C-alpha atoms as a PDB file:
ATOM      1  CA  MET A   1       2.852  -3.097  29.554  1.00  0.00           C
ATOM      2  CA  THR A   2       3.691  -4.750  25.684  1.00  0.00           C
ATOM      3  CA  PHE A   3       2.159  -5.052  23.194  1.00  0.00           C
ATOM      4  CA  LEU A   4       1.548  -8.961  23.236  1.00  0.00           C
ATOM      5  CA  GLU A   5       0.229  -8.462  26.847  1.00  0.00           C
ATOM      6  CA  GLY A   6      -2.804  -6.917  25.942  1.00  0.00           C
ATOM      7  CA  VAL A   7      -3.514  -9.175  22.780  1.00  0.00           C
ATOM      8  CA  PHE A   8      -2.251 -12.464  23.858  1.00  0.00           C
ATOM      9  CA  ASP A   9      -4.921 -14.713  26.108  1.00  0.00           C
ATOM     10  CA  TYR A  10      -4.326 -18.446  25.752  1.00  0.00           C
ATOM     11  CA  ASP A  11      -7.636 -19.324  26.891  1.00  0.00           C
ATOM     12  CA  THR A  12      -8.592 -17.445  24.283  1.00  0.00           C
ATOM     13  CA  ALA A  13      -7.294 -18.510  21.346  1.00  0.00           C
ATOM     14  CA  PHE A  14      -7.484 -21.640  21.854  1.00  0.00           C
ATOM     15  CA  SER A  15     -11.795 -21.364  22.919  1.00  0.00           C
ATOM     16  CA  ARG A  16     -12.504 -22.290  19.568  1.00  0.00           C
ATOM     17  CA  ASN A  17     -11.255 -26.470  20.457  1.00  0.00           C
ATOM     18  CA  ILE A  18     -13.485 -27.054  23.385  1.00  0.00           C
ATOM     19  CA  GLY A  19     -15.902 -28.692  21.859  1.00  0.00           C
ATOM     20  CA  LEU A  20     -13.632 -31.457  20.732  1.00  0.00           C
ATOM     21  CA  VAL A  21     -11.011 -31.507  23.876  1.00  0.00           C
ATOM     22  CA  GLN A  22     -12.506 -30.386  26.739  1.00  0.00           C
ATOM     23  CA  PRO A  23     -11.431 -27.843  28.856  1.00  0.00           C
ATOM     24  CA  GLU A  24      -9.196 -30.011  31.728  1.00  0.00           C
ATOM     25  CA  GLU A  25      -7.724 -31.434  27.805  1.00  0.00           C
ATOM     26  CA  GLN A  26      -6.464 -28.523  26.115  1.00  0.00           C
ATOM     27  CA  GLN A  27      -4.585 -27.641  29.182  1.00  0.00           C
ATOM     28  CA  ALA A  28      -2.807 -30.758  28.808  1.00  0.00           C
ATOM     29  CA  LEU A  29      -1.855 -30.396  26.128  1.00  0.00           C
ATOM     30  CA  ARG A  30      -0.702 -26.055  26.505  1.00  0.00           C
ATOM     31  CA  LYS A  31       1.581 -28.499  28.658  1.00  0.00           C
ATOM     32  CA  SER A  32       2.850 -31.252  26.564  1.00  0.00           C
ATOM     33  CA  ARG A  33       5.977 -30.536  24.554  1.00  0.00           C
ATOM     34  CA  VAL A  34       6.242 -32.736  20.471  1.00  0.00           C
ATOM     35  CA  GLY A  35       9.403 -33.319  19.086  1.00  0.00           C
ATOM     36  CA  VAL A  36       9.553 -32.598  15.588  1.00  0.00           C
ATOM     37  CA  ALA A  37      13.020 -33.943  13.637  1.00  0.00           C
ATOM     38  CA  GLY A  38      12.524 -31.594   9.865  1.00  0.00           C
ATOM     39  CA  LEU A  39      10.876 -29.119   9.538  1.00  0.00           C
ATOM     40  CA  GLY A  40      10.486 -28.920   5.766  1.00  0.00           C
ATOM     41  CA  GLY A  41       7.729 -30.189   3.743  1.00  0.00           C
ATOM     42  CA  VAL A  42       5.248 -32.197   6.971  1.00  0.00           C
ATOM     43  CA  GLY A  43       7.002 -31.243   9.372  1.00  0.00           C
ATOM     44  CA  GLY A  44       6.948 -27.465   9.387  1.00  0.00           C
ATOM     45  CA  VAL A  45       3.234 -27.736   8.844  1.00  0.00           C
ATOM     46  CA  HIS A  46       2.845 -30.786  11.326  1.00  0.00           C
ATOM     47  CA  LEU A  47       4.125 -28.164  13.531  1.00  0.00           C
ATOM     48  CA  THR A  48       2.179 -25.026  13.198  1.00  0.00           C
ATOM     49  CA  THR A  49      -0.932 -27.041  12.654  1.00  0.00           C
ATOM     50  CA  LEU A  50      -0.084 -28.319  16.347  1.00  0.00           C
ATOM     51  CA  ALA A  51       0.685 -25.512  17.777  1.00  0.00           C
ATOM     52  CA  ARG A  52      -2.875 -24.064  16.682  1.00  0.00           C
ATOM     53  CA  MET A  53      -3.784 -27.009  18.972  1.00  0.00           C
ATOM     54  CA  GLY A  54      -2.988 -25.215  21.925  1.00  0.00           C
ATOM     55  CA  VAL A  55       0.186 -27.914  22.148  1.00  0.00           C
ATOM     56  CA  GLY A  56       2.409 -25.532  24.230  1.00  0.00           C
ATOM     57  CA  ASN A  57       5.769 -26.996  24.298  1.00  0.00           C
ATOM     58  CA  PHE A  58       8.413 -28.002  21.628  1.00  0.00           C
ATOM     59  CA  ASN A  59      11.736 -29.186  19.930  1.00  0.00           C
ATOM     60  CA  ILE A  60      12.560 -28.465  16.903  1.00  0.00           C
ATOM     61  CA  ALA A  61      15.171 -29.419  14.892  1.00  0.00           C
ATOM     62  CA  ASP A  62      16.783 -28.918  11.248  1.00  0.00           C
ATOM     63  CA  PHE A  63      20.064 -27.279   9.382  1.00  0.00           C
ATOM     64  CA  ASP A  64      18.609 -26.688   6.052  1.00  0.00           C
ATOM     65  CA  VAL A  65      17.588 -23.658   4.520  1.00  0.00           C
ATOM     66  CA  PHE A  66      14.109 -22.280   2.635  1.00  0.00           C
ATOM     67  CA  GLU A  67      14.900 -22.821  -1.654  1.00  0.00           C
ATOM     68  CA  LEU A  68      12.528 -22.372  -4.040  1.00  0.00           C
ATOM     69  CA  HIS A  69      12.276 -25.824  -5.336  1.00  0.00           C
ATOM     70  CA  ASN A  70      10.137 -26.237  -2.008  1.00  0.00           C
ATOM     71  CA  PHE A  71       7.403 -23.071  -2.186  1.00  0.00           C
ATOM     72  CA  ASN A  72       4.934 -25.571  -3.897  1.00  0.00           C
ATOM     73  CA  ARG A  73       4.501 -27.671  -0.225  1.00  0.00           C
ATOM     74  CA  GLN A  74       6.955 -26.317   2.550  1.00  0.00           C
ATOM     75  CA  VAL A  75       4.208 -23.972   4.932  1.00  0.00           C
ATOM     76  CA  GLY A  76       7.629 -21.884   5.926  1.00  0.00           C
ATOM     77  CA  ALA A  77       9.127 -21.422   2.337  1.00  0.00           C
ATOM     78  CA  THR A  78       7.884 -17.623   0.789  1.00  0.00           C
ATOM     79  CA  VAL A  79       9.796 -14.793  -0.381  1.00  0.00           C
ATOM     80  CA  SER A  80      10.813 -13.021   2.389  1.00  0.00           C
ATOM     81  CA  THR A  81      12.304 -17.039   4.144  1.00  0.00           C
ATOM     82  CA  LEU A  82      14.849 -17.760   0.828  1.00  0.00           C
ATOM     83  CA  GLY A  83      17.646 -18.533   2.381  1.00  0.00           C
ATOM     84  CA  GLN A  84      16.886 -18.294   5.737  1.00  0.00           C
ATOM     85  CA  GLY A  85      17.419 -21.038   8.380  1.00  0.00           C
ATOM     86  CA  LYS A  86      13.947 -23.067   8.376  1.00  0.00           C
ATOM     87  CA  GLY A  87      13.847 -24.181  12.419  1.00  0.00           C
ATOM     88  CA  GLU A  88      14.464 -19.499  12.730  1.00  0.00           C
ATOM     89  CA  VAL A  89      11.433 -19.598  10.659  1.00  0.00           C
ATOM     90  CA  MET A  90       9.406 -22.041  11.992  1.00  0.00           C
ATOM     91  CA  GLU A  91      10.371 -21.016  15.205  1.00  0.00           C
ATOM     92  CA  ARG A  92       9.103 -17.597  14.355  1.00  0.00           C
ATOM     93  CA  MET A  93       5.758 -18.490  13.042  1.00  0.00           C
ATOM     94  CA  VAL A  94       4.955 -20.627  16.153  1.00  0.00           C
ATOM     95  CA  HIS A  95       5.924 -17.600  17.871  1.00  0.00           C
ATOM     96  CA  ASP A  96       3.345 -15.503  15.969  1.00  0.00           C
ATOM     97  CA  ILE A  97       0.650 -18.322  16.696  1.00  0.00           C
ATOM     98  CA  ASN A  98       1.205 -18.831  20.957  1.00  0.00           C
ATOM     99  CA  PRO A  99       3.398 -15.739  21.654  1.00  0.00           C
ATOM    100  CA  GLU A 100       3.589 -17.885  25.071  1.00  0.00           C
ATOM    101  CA  ALA A 101       5.096 -21.596  24.207  1.00  0.00           C
ATOM    102  CA  GLY A 102       8.719 -22.646  25.290  1.00  0.00           C
ATOM    103  CA  VAL A 103      10.375 -23.966  21.370  1.00  0.00           C
ATOM    104  CA  LYS A 104      13.720 -25.602  22.069  1.00  0.00           C
ATOM    105  CA  LEU A 105      15.507 -25.186  18.500  1.00  0.00           C
ATOM    106  CA  PHE A 106      18.443 -27.463  17.108  1.00  0.00           C
ATOM    107  CA  PRO A 107      19.719 -25.977  13.950  1.00  0.00           C
ATOM    108  CA  GLU A 108      22.202 -28.148  13.567  1.00  0.00           C
ATOM    109  CA  GLY A 109      19.092 -30.778  13.290  1.00  0.00           C
ATOM    110  CA  VAL A 110      19.212 -34.622  14.250  1.00  0.00           C
ATOM    111  CA  GLN A 111      22.529 -35.192  15.041  1.00  0.00           C
ATOM    112  CA  PRO A 112      24.244 -37.984  17.993  1.00  0.00           C
ATOM    113  CA  GLU A 113      25.696 -35.529  19.472  1.00  0.00           C
ATOM    114  CA  ASN A 114      22.773 -33.832  20.595  1.00  0.00           C
ATOM    115  CA  ILE A 115      19.536 -36.709  19.905  1.00  0.00           C
ATOM    116  CA  GLY A 116      19.295 -36.493  23.691  1.00  0.00           C
ATOM    117  CA  ARG A 117      19.181 -33.095  24.385  1.00  0.00           C
ATOM    118  CA  PHE A 118      16.365 -33.170  21.545  1.00  0.00           C
ATOM    119  CA  LEU A 119      14.422 -35.530  23.259  1.00  0.00           C
ATOM    120  CA  ASP A 120      14.921 -34.518  26.078  1.00  0.00           C
ATOM    121  CA  GLY A 121      10.821 -34.307  28.286  1.00  0.00           C
ATOM    122  CA  VAL A 122       9.944 -35.450  24.681  1.00  0.00           C
ATOM    123  CA  ASP A 123       5.957 -36.705  25.169  1.00  0.00           C
ATOM    124  CA  VAL A 124       5.622 -37.601  21.269  1.00  0.00           C
ATOM    125  CA  VAL A 125       8.009 -37.506  18.458  1.00  0.00           C
ATOM    126  CA  VAL A 126       6.646 -36.323  15.402  1.00  0.00           C
ATOM    127  CA  ASP A 127       9.577 -37.692  12.334  1.00  0.00           C
ATOM    128  CA  GLY A 128       9.343 -34.897   9.122  1.00  0.00           C
ATOM    129  CA  LEU A 129      12.894 -35.922   8.497  1.00  0.00           C
ATOM    130  CA  ASP A 130      13.630 -35.554   4.332  1.00  0.00           C
ATOM    131  CA  TYR A 131      12.840 -38.950   2.937  1.00  0.00           C
ATOM    132  CA  PHE A 132      16.290 -39.541   2.013  1.00  0.00           C
ATOM    133  CA  ALA A 133      17.518 -39.037   5.911  1.00  0.00           C
ATOM    134  CA  VAL A 134      18.012 -42.989   6.342  1.00  0.00           C
ATOM    135  CA  ASP A 135      20.597 -42.160   8.573  1.00  0.00           C
ATOM    136  CA  ALA A 136      18.608 -39.242  10.747  1.00  0.00           C
ATOM    137  CA  ARG A 137      15.935 -41.139  10.695  1.00  0.00           C
ATOM    138  CA  GLU A 138      17.728 -44.362  11.979  1.00  0.00           C
ATOM    139  CA  LEU A 139      19.305 -42.914  15.009  1.00  0.00           C
ATOM    140  CA  LEU A 140      15.513 -40.959  15.611  1.00  0.00           C
ATOM    141  CA  TYR A 141      14.175 -44.560  16.230  1.00  0.00           C
ATOM    142  CA  ARG A 142      16.934 -46.096  17.764  1.00  0.00           C
ATOM    143  CA  GLU A 143      16.899 -43.514  20.850  1.00  0.00           C
ATOM    144  CA  THR A 144      13.309 -43.094  20.845  1.00  0.00           C
ATOM    145  CA  CYS A 145      12.540 -46.829  20.939  1.00  0.00           C
ATOM    146  CA  ARG A 146      15.256 -46.885  24.053  1.00  0.00           C
ATOM    147  CA  MET A 147      14.183 -43.774  25.907  1.00  0.00           C
ATOM    148  CA  GLY A 148       9.781 -45.263  25.291  1.00  0.00           C
ATOM    149  CA  ILE A 149       8.759 -42.612  23.091  1.00  0.00           C
ATOM    150  CA  PRO A 150       6.244 -42.543  20.797  1.00  0.00           C
ATOM    151  CA  VAL A 151       6.573 -41.648  17.015  1.00  0.00           C
ATOM    152  CA  VAL A 152       3.995 -40.832  14.621  1.00  0.00           C
ATOM    153  CA  ALA A 153       5.077 -40.254  11.028  1.00  0.00           C
ATOM    154  CA  ALA A 154       2.700 -39.073   7.962  1.00  0.00           C
ATOM    155  CA  GLY A 155       4.187 -39.267   4.151  1.00  0.00           C
ATOM    156  CA  PRO A 156       3.200 -37.048   0.972  1.00  0.00           C
ATOM    157  CA  ILE A 157       3.353 -39.725  -1.103  1.00  0.00           C
ATOM    158  CA  GLY A 158       1.419 -38.927  -4.111  1.00  0.00           C
ATOM    159  CA  CYS A 159      -2.239 -37.367  -3.184  1.00  0.00           C
ATOM    160  CA  SER A 160      -2.137 -39.574  -0.123  1.00  0.00           C
ATOM    161  CA  THR A 161      -1.554 -39.829   2.825  1.00  0.00           C
ATOM    162  CA  ALA A 162       1.004 -42.862   4.724  1.00  0.00           C
ATOM    163  CA  LEU A 163       0.831 -42.832   8.540  1.00  0.00           C
ATOM    164  CA  LEU A 164       2.559 -45.415  10.545  1.00  0.00           C
ATOM    165  CA  VAL A 165       2.771 -45.298  14.631  1.00  0.00           C
ATOM    166  CA  PHE A 166       5.331 -46.540  16.691  1.00  0.00           C
ATOM    167  CA  MET A 167       4.277 -47.190  19.980  1.00  0.00           C
ATOM    168  CA  PRO A 168       6.669 -48.035  23.503  1.00  0.00           C
ATOM    169  CA  GLY A 169       6.514 -52.310  23.605  1.00  0.00           C
ATOM    170  CA  GLY A 170       5.232 -52.203  19.913  1.00  0.00           C
ATOM    171  CA  MET A 171       7.106 -52.749  17.163  1.00  0.00           C
ATOM    172  CA  THR A 172       9.548 -51.228  16.355  1.00  0.00           C
ATOM    173  CA  TRP A 173      10.756 -48.716  13.570  1.00  0.00           C
ATOM    174  CA  HIS A 174      13.673 -51.141  12.744  1.00  0.00           C
ATOM    175  CA  ASP A 175      11.594 -54.207  12.576  1.00  0.00           C
ATOM    176  CA  TYR A 176       8.939 -53.124  10.661  1.00  0.00           C
ATOM    177  CA  PHE A 177      11.199 -51.401   7.576  1.00  0.00           C
ATOM    178  CA  GLY A 178      13.868 -54.695   8.139  1.00  0.00           C
ATOM    179  CA  MET A 179      16.877 -52.203   6.658  1.00  0.00           C
ATOM    180  CA  ASP A 180      19.482 -55.108   7.615  1.00  0.00           C
ATOM    181  CA  LEU A 181      17.833 -56.443   4.001  1.00  0.00           C
ATOM    182  CA  ALA A 182      19.376 -53.507   2.528  1.00  0.00           C
ATOM    183  CA  SER A 183      22.724 -54.332   0.536  1.00  0.00           C
ATOM    184  CA  ASP A 184      23.354 -50.564  -0.068  1.00  0.00           C
ATOM    185  CA  ILE A 185      21.212 -47.299   0.194  1.00  0.00           C
ATOM    186  CA  LEU A 186      18.661 -47.182  -2.785  1.00  0.00           C
ATOM    187  CA  ASP A 187      17.701 -50.567  -1.051  1.00  0.00           C
ATOM    188  CA  LYS A 188      17.262 -47.998   1.884  1.00  0.00           C
ATOM    189  CA  TYR A 189      14.813 -46.337   0.060  1.00  0.00           C
ATOM    190  CA  ILE A 190      12.923 -48.936  -1.351  1.00  0.00           C
ATOM    191  CA  LEU A 191      12.242 -50.267   1.833  1.00  0.00           C
ATOM    192  CA  PHE A 192      11.480 -47.476   3.072  1.00  0.00           C
ATOM    193  CA  LEU A 193       8.799 -46.285   0.257  1.00  0.00           C
ATOM    194  CA  ILE A 194       7.582 -49.495   0.387  1.00  0.00           C
ATOM    195  CA  GLY A 195       7.361 -50.319   4.011  1.00  0.00           C
ATOM    196  CA  THR A 196       5.754 -46.259   3.997  1.00  0.00           C
ATOM    197  CA  ALA A 197       2.569 -47.196   2.211  1.00  0.00           C
ATOM    198  CA  PRO A 198       2.712 -51.027   1.049  1.00  0.00           C
ATOM    199  CA  ALA A 199      -0.992 -50.409  -0.409  1.00  0.00           C
ATOM    200  CA  ALA A 200       0.431 -47.783  -3.078  1.00  0.00           C
ATOM    201  CA  THR A 201      -2.905 -46.788  -3.845  1.00  0.00           C
ATOM    202  CA  GLN A 202      -0.751 -43.689  -5.840  1.00  0.00           C
ATOM    203  CA  MET A 203       0.893 -45.920  -8.475  1.00  0.00           C
ATOM    204  CA  SER A 204      -2.170 -46.001 -10.880  1.00  0.00           C
ATOM    205  CA  TYR A 205      -1.161 -42.014 -11.367  1.00  0.00           C
ATOM    206  CA  VAL A 206       2.342 -41.112 -10.093  1.00  0.00           C
ATOM    207  CA  ASP A 207       4.606 -40.271 -13.452  1.00  0.00           C
ATOM    208  CA  ARG A 208       7.913 -43.056 -12.924  1.00  0.00           C
ATOM    209  CA  SER A 209       9.777 -41.036 -15.220  1.00  0.00           C
ATOM    210  CA  ARG A 210       9.760 -38.388 -12.641  1.00  0.00           C
ATOM    211  CA  VAL A 211      11.061 -40.069  -9.937  1.00  0.00           C
ATOM    212  CA  SER A 212      14.463 -41.205  -8.961  1.00  0.00           C
ATOM    213  CA  LEU A 213      15.579 -42.106  -5.742  1.00  0.00           C
ATOM    214  CA  SER A 214      19.730 -42.309  -7.267  1.00  0.00           C
ATOM    215  CA  GLU A 215      18.904 -38.762  -7.524  1.00  0.00           C
ATOM    216  CA  LYS A 216      17.169 -38.660  -4.918  1.00  0.00           C
ATOM    217  CA  ARG A 217      13.973 -36.668  -6.750  1.00  0.00           C
ATOM    218  CA  GLY A 218       9.907 -37.738  -6.846  1.00  0.00           C
ATOM    219  CA  PRO A 219       6.505 -35.451  -7.056  1.00  0.00           C
ATOM    220  CA  SER A 220       4.950 -34.037  -4.157  1.00  0.00           C
ATOM    221  CA  LEU A 221       1.997 -31.744  -3.953  1.00  0.00           C
ATOM    222  CA  SER A 222       1.019 -29.092  -0.849  1.00  0.00           C
ATOM    223  CA  LEU A 223      -2.237 -31.122  -1.250  1.00  0.00           C
ATOM    224  CA  ALA A 224      -1.189 -34.870   0.010  1.00  0.00           C
ATOM    225  CA  VAL A 225       1.511 -32.574   2.513  1.00  0.00           C
ATOM    226  CA  GLN A 226      -1.924 -30.952   4.417  1.00  0.00           C
ATOM    227  CA  LEU A 227      -3.422 -34.381   4.545  1.00  0.00           C
ATOM    228  CA  CYS A 228      -0.477 -35.846   7.128  1.00  0.00           C
ATOM    229  CA  SER A 229      -0.889 -32.952   9.030  1.00  0.00           C
ATOM    230  CA  GLY A 230      -3.928 -33.877   9.653  1.00  0.00           C
ATOM    231  CA  VAL A 231      -4.056 -37.163  10.401  1.00  0.00           C
ATOM    232  CA  VAL A 232      -0.021 -36.618  12.290  1.00  0.00           C
ATOM    233  CA  ALA A 233      -2.363 -34.598  14.896  1.00  0.00           C
ATOM    234  CA  ALA A 234      -4.988 -36.533  15.254  1.00  0.00           C
ATOM    235  CA  GLU A 235      -3.113 -39.588  16.370  1.00  0.00           C
ATOM    236  CA  THR A 236      -0.436 -36.840  18.320  1.00  0.00           C
ATOM    237  CA  MET A 237      -3.544 -35.808  20.356  1.00  0.00           C
ATOM    238  CA  LYS A 238      -4.834 -38.798  21.141  1.00  0.00           C
ATOM    239  CA  ILE A 239      -1.213 -40.228  22.093  1.00  0.00           C
ATOM    240  CA  LEU A 240      -1.051 -36.555  24.687  1.00  0.00           C
ATOM    241  CA  LEU A 241      -4.712 -36.684  25.971  1.00  0.00           C
ATOM    242  CA  LYS A 242      -4.620 -41.033  26.381  1.00  0.00           C
ATOM    243  CA  ARG A 243      -8.216 -41.365  24.419  1.00  0.00           C
ATOM    244  CA  GLY A 244      -8.995 -42.989  21.036  1.00  0.00           C
ATOM    245  CA  LYS A 245      -7.590 -46.526  19.077  1.00  0.00           C
ATOM    246  CA  ILE A 246      -4.017 -46.034  18.373  1.00  0.00           C
ATOM    247  CA  LEU A 247      -3.137 -48.189  15.232  1.00  0.00           C
ATOM    248  CA  ALA A 248       0.224 -49.144  15.698  1.00  0.00           C
ATOM    249  CA  ALA A 249       3.155 -50.487  13.435  1.00  0.00           C
ATOM    250  CA  PRO A 250       2.656 -52.970  12.010  1.00  0.00           C
ATOM    251  CA  TYR A 251      -0.393 -51.778  11.007  1.00  0.00           C
ATOM    252  CA  TYR A 252      -0.257 -49.205   8.735  1.00  0.00           C
ATOM    253  CA  GLN A 253      -2.800 -46.681   6.889  1.00  0.00           C
ATOM    254  CA  GLN A 254      -2.960 -44.727   3.591  1.00  0.00           C
ATOM    255  CA  PHE A 255      -5.403 -42.284   2.760  1.00  0.00           C
ATOM    256  CA  ASP A 256      -5.370 -41.743  -1.014  1.00  0.00           C
ATOM    257  CA  ALA A 257      -7.129 -38.644  -1.634  1.00  0.00           C
ATOM    258  CA  TYR A 258      -7.226 -38.763  -5.377  1.00  0.00           C
ATOM    259  CA  LYS A 259      -8.648 -42.085  -5.180  1.00  0.00           C
ATOM    260  CA  CYS A 260     -11.240 -41.741  -1.963  1.00  0.00           C
ATOM    261  CA  LYS A 261      -9.677 -44.911  -1.122  1.00  0.00           C
ATOM    262  CA  HIS A 262      -8.766 -45.444   2.428  1.00  0.00           C
ATOM    263  CA  VAL A 263      -7.116 -48.137   3.183  1.00  0.00           C
ATOM    264  CA  VAL A 264      -5.827 -50.513   6.709  1.00  0.00           C
ATOM    265  CA  GLY A 265      -3.517 -53.056   6.651  1.00  0.00           C
ATOM    266  CA  LYS A 266      -0.823 -55.212   8.702  1.00  0.00           C
ATOM    267  CA  LEU A 267       2.299 -56.100   7.960  1.00  0.00           C
ATOM    268  CA  ARG A 268       2.804 -58.402  10.726  1.00  0.00           C
ATOM    269  CA  TRP A 269       6.553 -59.522   9.246  1.00  0.00           C
ATOM    270  CA  GLY A 270       7.019 -56.249   8.795  1.00  0.00           C
ATOM    271  CA  ASN A 271       8.733 -55.872   5.604  1.00  0.00           C
ATOM    272  CA  ARG A 272      10.304 -59.143   5.916  1.00  0.00           C
ATOM    273  CA  GLY A 273       7.440 -60.577   5.133  1.00  0.00           C
ATOM    274  CA  PRO A 274       7.489 -62.810   1.075  1.00  0.00           C
ATOM    275  CA  LEU A 275       5.026 -60.224  -0.388  1.00  0.00           C
ATOM    276  CA  GLN A 276       7.239 -56.900   0.711  1.00  0.00           C
ATOM    277  CA  ARG A 277      10.636 -59.376  -0.002  1.00  0.00           C
ATOM    278  CA  LEU A 278       9.031 -59.379  -3.670  1.00  0.00           C
ATOM    279  CA  LYS A 279       8.074 -55.680  -3.838  1.00  0.00           C
ATOM    280  CA  LEU A 280      12.037 -55.138  -3.130  1.00  0.00           C
ATOM    281  CA  SER A 281      13.341 -57.864  -5.713  1.00  0.00           C
ATOM    282  CA  VAL A 282      11.000 -55.800  -8.052  1.00  0.00           C
ATOM    283  CA  PHE A 283      12.053 -52.318  -7.612  1.00  0.00           C
ATOM    284  CA  ARG A 284      16.070 -53.332  -7.851  1.00  0.00           C
ATOM    285  CA  LYS A 285      14.946 -55.039 -11.066  1.00  0.00           C
ATOM    286  CA  MET A 286      13.316 -51.561 -12.552  1.00  0.00           C
ATOM    287  CA  LEU A 287      16.248 -49.363 -10.998  1.00  0.00           C
ATOM    288  CA  ALA A 288      18.636 -51.545 -12.866  1.00  0.00           C
ATOM    289  CA  ARG A 289      16.190 -50.736 -16.606  1.00  0.00           C
ATOM    290  CA  GLN A 290      16.848 -47.040 -15.389  1.00  0.00           C
ATOM    291  CA  SER A 291      20.673 -46.724 -15.059  1.00  0.00           C
END
């Protein structure tokens, strides 16, 4: 008998979940497979949160390594993991939580060559991709839409989490964000921002001098990442267990812990609506002044 055989027992490890999920639901989570694309800021903590909920199988993808500037928010970033692949580190963390977990690692990230294998057998996809990973995100949502796989996404914006859920048969990511409105890559970054958090509750306290879309940088706090993991885990659990109300796109939500404010809204036309188009124009002018 190995050490782990004498220590780990799935039912005991996740017994404190019971009461919020039923025993048969816990077993359903054990059999589920979640795809986590991106394992940095939000993706890593999404993964560990879902693992602690007892989700038993994962497809995970990230090509990056941990660096010092990741320390403020990325769960896998420590002195001992500097320079190590995010996928390999997070796979070890999952197995430290649940040695029985089935993990398929895609260390090359989400690519056209592997997207079919990454989505194979997946019940839900969690979007943990970097904010600026436009091509990978467009690929991911196109293929999940084609295959009828739900996607849950939450962005850490200021001291808030901005939640979007895309369900099969509902409004698609491409229709919601309207990326065809973009004339260049900066427009795509703007469209992603204004569509992710239309309420923009963070605008009054973010130091905008620290934000530069052209330089691909902006502030982020661990507290917002933790908020994201909670709401993503809740939505993923509801989808996997087929219970609870899902407010899918064109609905959006933003919970700002700093302002103690929760906004639920609906972009009937996505970013193609007149107000969103106005925001796009305003942000274009702001960026022009910065350059």
